[in-house]
Amino acid sequence: MDKMASFKAMLFDLDGTLADTFPDLLVTLEESYREAGRLCPNESLSADRLRPFVSKGARSMVAAASDAELDPATIDAIHDRFLALYLEGIARKTRLYAGIEPLLEWLEGQGLPWGVVTNKLIDPALRLIGALGLDKRAACIVGGDSAARAKPHPEPMLLACERISIAPEDIVYVGDARTDIEAGRAVGSITVSAGWGYLDPADPPSGWGADIHVDSPRELLERAMRERIASPA
């Protein structure tokens, strides 16, 4: 069955799906630890363990970055400083993933709106998307605090659908975390697991129940083009 033959919009997670934000997140994490007089996370910890924490939120990243057990008050202090520093230099090293721009251009050329549903707080999400030059192009931007509950709860997806006036079942949702797929499935959207993102080796996409898995934005574009061309008018 051609699952993407007649979709009417495509929504994306942000970090690890639309853009590679990890370089900026890591630099900011190191700066916030340094200011707190703590040891910075080492290279192996950063590469092997921190990326999967991006989808779990900044506080989870802060807690996971330390080799030592930190008390909640220290984690809170580093987290608060992390957020402030991140906003100051939100897109120093962040870039769209290779193949994302052609995908967005194709969607726009087809008259298909696209948007973002992320667990990133709406303030940094808007700033980042603006810095990437996408704010005027996105049909909707829903952050982790835009609805009462964040993903995997379906509320953010439902809010995005409401804002673009398209039914959930007519939407493709692309994400690099289990929470993305669970949120999309909960509202009946076509779900796509992104194999290029911040995947957790202990929780591979094969177990998420996504409708489709792709390893690159280019593969997603090619599949969308192929299935829409093959579908009857």
Protein backbone atom coordinates (compact mmCIF):
# COMPACT_ATOMS: atom_id res chain seq x y z
CA MET A 1 0.00 0.00 0.00
CA ASP A 2 1.29 3.48 -0.91
CA LYS A 3 0.98 5.15 2.48
CA MET A 4 2.17 8.53 1.22
CA ALA A 5 0.13 8.65 -1.98
CA SER A 6 -2.35 11.29 -0.91
CA PHE A 7 -1.03 13.10 2.17
CA LYS A 8 -1.87 16.80 2.46
CA ALA A 9 0.87 18.08 4.80
CA MET A 10 4.14 17.00 6.39
CA LEU A 11 5.17 17.78 9.96
CA PHE A 12 8.66 17.36 11.38
CA ASP A 13 10.30 17.04 14.73
CA LEU A 14 13.04 19.68 15.03
CA ASP A 15 16.19 18.50 16.81
CA GLY A 16 17.69 15.47 15.08
CA THR A 17 15.09 15.47 12.29
CA LEU A 18 14.89 18.84 10.57
CA ALA A 19 18.17 20.25 11.89
CA ASP A 20 21.38 18.98 13.47
CA THR A 21 21.32 21.03 16.65
CA PHE A 22 23.66 18.84 18.67
CA PRO A 23 26.87 20.85 18.06
CA ASP A 24 25.31 23.96 19.62
CA LEU A 25 23.70 21.97 22.43
CA LEU A 26 27.03 20.36 23.29
CA VAL A 27 28.99 23.64 23.29
CA THR A 28 26.34 25.22 25.50
CA LEU A 29 26.35 22.25 27.84
CA GLU A 30 30.11 22.50 28.24
CA GLU A 31 29.89 26.25 28.89
CA SER A 32 27.18 25.85 31.52
CA TYR A 33 29.12 23.11 33.31
CA ARG A 34 32.27 25.21 33.23
CA GLU A 35 30.51 28.23 34.72
CA ALA A 36 29.17 26.02 37.50
CA GLY A 37 32.70 24.89 38.33
CA ARG A 38 32.01 21.35 37.22
CA LEU A 39 33.90 19.08 34.87
CA CYS A 40 32.77 19.21 31.27
CA PRO A 41 31.41 16.01 29.77
CA ASN A 42 34.12 13.98 28.03
CA GLU A 43 34.17 13.14 24.33
CA SER A 44 33.02 9.52 24.60
CA LEU A 45 30.14 10.47 26.88
CA SER A 46 29.07 13.24 24.54
CA ALA A 47 29.12 11.15 21.38
CA ASP A 48 27.82 7.87 22.72
CA ARG A 49 25.28 8.91 25.30
CA LEU A 50 24.15 12.49 24.97
CA ARG A 51 22.57 12.56 21.51
CA PRO A 52 19.66 10.27 22.46
CA PHE A 53 18.90 12.58 25.39
CA VAL A 54 18.18 15.53 23.07
CA SER A 55 14.61 14.34 22.50
CA LYS A 56 14.14 13.96 26.26
CA GLY A 57 14.75 17.62 27.00
CA ALA A 58 17.53 19.92 28.21
CA ARG A 59 17.28 18.88 31.85
CA SER A 60 17.80 15.24 30.92
CA MET A 61 20.85 16.21 28.89
CA VAL A 62 22.29 18.17 31.81
CA ALA A 63 21.80 15.27 34.20
CA ALA A 64 23.23 12.70 31.77
CA ALA A 65 26.33 14.76 30.97
CA SER A 66 27.93 14.38 34.37
CA ASP A 67 30.09 11.44 35.37
CA ALA A 68 29.25 12.27 38.98
CA GLU A 69 25.90 12.16 40.75
CA LEU A 70 24.57 15.71 40.96
CA ASP A 71 21.97 16.87 43.44
CA PRO A 72 18.71 18.27 42.02
CA ALA A 73 19.56 21.86 42.97
CA THR A 74 22.84 21.71 41.04
CA ILE A 75 21.13 20.19 38.02
CA ASP A 76 18.49 22.94 38.14
CA ALA A 77 21.15 25.66 38.31
CA ILE A 78 23.14 24.24 35.39
CA HIS A 79 19.92 23.71 33.44
CA ASP A 80 18.82 27.32 33.91
CA ARG A 81 22.20 28.62 32.80
CA PHE A 82 22.20 26.19 29.88
CA LEU A 83 18.90 27.61 28.61
CA ALA A 84 20.12 31.20 28.91
CA LEU A 85 23.39 30.49 27.10
CA TYR A 86 21.63 28.48 24.40
CA LEU A 87 19.33 31.36 23.56
CA GLU A 88 22.34 33.68 23.25
CA GLY A 89 23.98 31.55 20.55
CA ILE A 90 21.18 29.37 19.32
CA ALA A 91 22.35 28.75 15.76
CA ARG A 92 26.11 29.13 15.81
CA LYS A 93 26.71 25.63 14.46
CA THR A 94 23.22 24.28 13.81
CA ARG A 95 22.47 23.36 10.20
CA LEU A 96 19.63 21.72 8.31
CA TYR A 97 20.39 18.10 7.53
CA ALA A 98 21.54 17.39 3.99
CA GLY A 99 18.49 16.78 1.83
CA ILE A 100 16.03 18.69 4.02
CA GLU A 101 16.02 21.86 1.91
CA PRO A 102 15.19 19.99 -1.35
CA LEU A 103 12.43 18.15 0.53
CA LEU A 104 10.93 21.40 1.80
CA GLU A 105 11.19 22.98 -1.64
CA TRP A 106 9.39 20.02 -3.19
CA LEU A 107 6.61 20.17 -0.61
CA GLU A 108 6.17 23.89 -1.25
CA GLY A 109 6.19 23.34 -5.00
CA GLN A 110 3.43 20.76 -4.61
CA GLY A 111 1.36 23.14 -2.51
CA LEU A 112 1.78 20.89 0.53
CA PRO A 113 2.20 22.79 3.81
CA TRP A 114 4.85 21.68 6.25
CA GLY A 115 5.44 22.51 9.89
CA VAL A 116 7.24 21.63 13.10
CA VAL A 117 6.05 19.78 16.19
CA THR A 118 8.85 19.66 18.75
CA ASN A 119 9.29 19.13 22.47
CA LYS A 120 11.71 22.07 22.45
CA LEU A 121 10.18 24.99 24.33
CA ILE A 122 8.43 27.35 21.95
CA ASP A 123 10.73 30.35 22.60
CA PRO A 124 13.98 28.62 21.57
CA ALA A 125 12.14 26.73 18.84
CA LEU A 126 10.90 29.96 17.25
CA ARG A 127 14.30 31.60 17.59
CA LEU A 128 16.08 28.65 16.03
CA ILE A 129 13.64 28.27 13.15
CA GLY A 130 13.94 32.00 12.53
CA ALA A 131 17.74 31.84 12.56
CA LEU A 132 17.56 29.04 9.98
CA GLY A 133 15.38 31.24 7.78
CA LEU A 134 12.37 28.94 7.96
CA ASP A 135 9.96 30.96 10.08
CA LYS A 136 8.14 32.50 7.12
CA ARG A 137 7.92 29.15 5.34
CA ALA A 138 6.59 26.89 8.09
CA ALA A 139 2.80 26.60 8.18
CA CYS A 140 2.87 25.98 11.93
CA ILE A 141 5.38 25.69 14.76
CA VAL A 142 4.29 23.86 17.91
CA GLY A 143 6.66 23.71 20.88
CA GLY A 144 6.86 21.52 23.94
CA ASP A 145 4.94 24.08 25.98
CA SER A 146 2.47 25.13 23.27
CA ALA A 147 -0.06 22.56 24.49
CA ALA A 148 -0.85 21.41 28.01
CA ARG A 149 1.20 18.25 27.49
CA ALA A 150 4.20 17.46 25.29
CA LYS A 151 4.86 14.44 23.07
CA PRO A 152 4.24 11.52 23.28
CA HIS A 153 0.85 12.90 24.28
CA PRO A 154 -1.21 13.63 21.15
CA GLU A 155 -2.10 17.22 22.13
CA PRO A 156 0.79 18.90 20.24
CA MET A 157 -0.09 16.99 17.07
CA LEU A 158 -3.76 17.88 17.39
CA LEU A 159 -2.83 21.53 17.90
CA ALA A 160 -0.70 21.51 14.75
CA CYS A 161 -3.52 19.91 12.76
CA GLU A 162 -5.91 22.56 14.03
CA ARG A 163 -3.55 25.37 13.06
CA ILE A 164 -3.13 24.16 9.49
CA SER A 165 -6.76 22.96 9.18
CA ILE A 166 -5.80 19.49 7.99
CA ALA A 167 -7.06 16.22 9.50
CA PRO A 168 -4.46 14.12 11.36
CA GLU A 169 -4.93 11.15 9.04
CA ASP A 170 -3.88 13.31 6.08
CA ILE A 171 -0.57 14.26 7.68
CA VAL A 172 2.86 12.64 7.52
CA TYR A 173 4.84 13.11 10.73
CA VAL A 174 8.61 12.58 10.67
CA GLY A 175 10.68 12.12 13.83
CA ASP A 176 13.82 10.52 15.22
CA ALA A 177 12.46 9.36 18.60
CA ARG A 178 9.90 6.89 19.89
CA THR A 179 7.94 9.78 21.40
CA ASP A 180 7.47 11.26 17.93
CA ILE A 181 6.07 8.06 16.50
CA GLU A 182 3.82 7.47 19.50
CA ALA A 183 2.39 10.98 19.20
CA GLY A 184 1.78 10.58 15.48
CA ARG A 185 0.20 7.16 15.84
CA ALA A 186 -2.05 8.40 18.64
CA VAL A 187 -3.79 10.80 16.25
CA GLY A 188 -3.79 8.49 13.24
CA SER A 189 -1.12 10.26 11.19
CA ILE A 190 1.26 8.51 8.81
CA THR A 191 4.44 8.12 10.85
CA VAL A 192 8.00 8.10 9.51
CA SER A 193 11.03 7.21 11.64
CA ALA A 194 14.09 9.26 10.68
CA GLY A 195 17.20 7.11 10.62
CA TRP A 196 19.56 10.10 10.42
CA GLY A 197 18.68 11.55 13.83
CA TYR A 198 19.72 11.15 17.45
CA LEU A 199 18.84 7.49 17.75
CA ASP A 200 19.20 5.56 20.98
CA PRO A 201 21.06 2.26 20.30
CA ALA A 202 19.05 0.68 23.11
CA ASP A 203 15.76 1.64 21.43
CA PRO A 204 16.05 1.14 17.65
CA PRO A 205 13.37 2.50 15.29
CA SER A 206 12.36 -1.03 14.29
CA GLY A 207 10.51 -1.28 17.61
CA TRP A 208 8.62 2.02 17.42
CA GLY A 209 5.79 0.90 15.17
CA ALA A 210 6.30 3.59 12.53
CA ASP A 211 4.48 3.19 9.23
CA ILE A 212 7.64 3.95 7.27
CA HIS A 213 11.37 4.06 8.03
CA VAL A 214 13.82 6.09 5.94
CA ASP A 215 17.55 6.54 6.39
CA SER A 216 17.87 10.00 4.84
CA PRO A 217 15.80 13.04 3.86
CA ARG A 218 16.59 12.24 0.23
CA GLU A 219 15.05 8.78 0.64
CA LEU A 220 11.94 10.37 2.13
CA LEU A 221 11.68 12.82 -0.77
CA GLU A 222 12.13 10.08 -3.36
CA ARG A 223 9.48 7.92 -1.73
CA ALA A 224 7.01 10.79 -1.47
CA MET A 225 7.55 11.72 -5.12
CA ARG A 226 7.29 8.12 -6.31
CA GLU A 227 4.13 7.28 -4.41
CA ARG A 228 2.32 10.48 -5.37
CA ILE A 229 3.17 10.01 -9.05
CA ALA A 230 2.02 6.38 -8.93
CA SER A 231 -1.29 7.16 -7.24
CA PRO A 232 -4.39 7.54 -9.43
CA ALA A 233 -5.74 11.04 -9.94
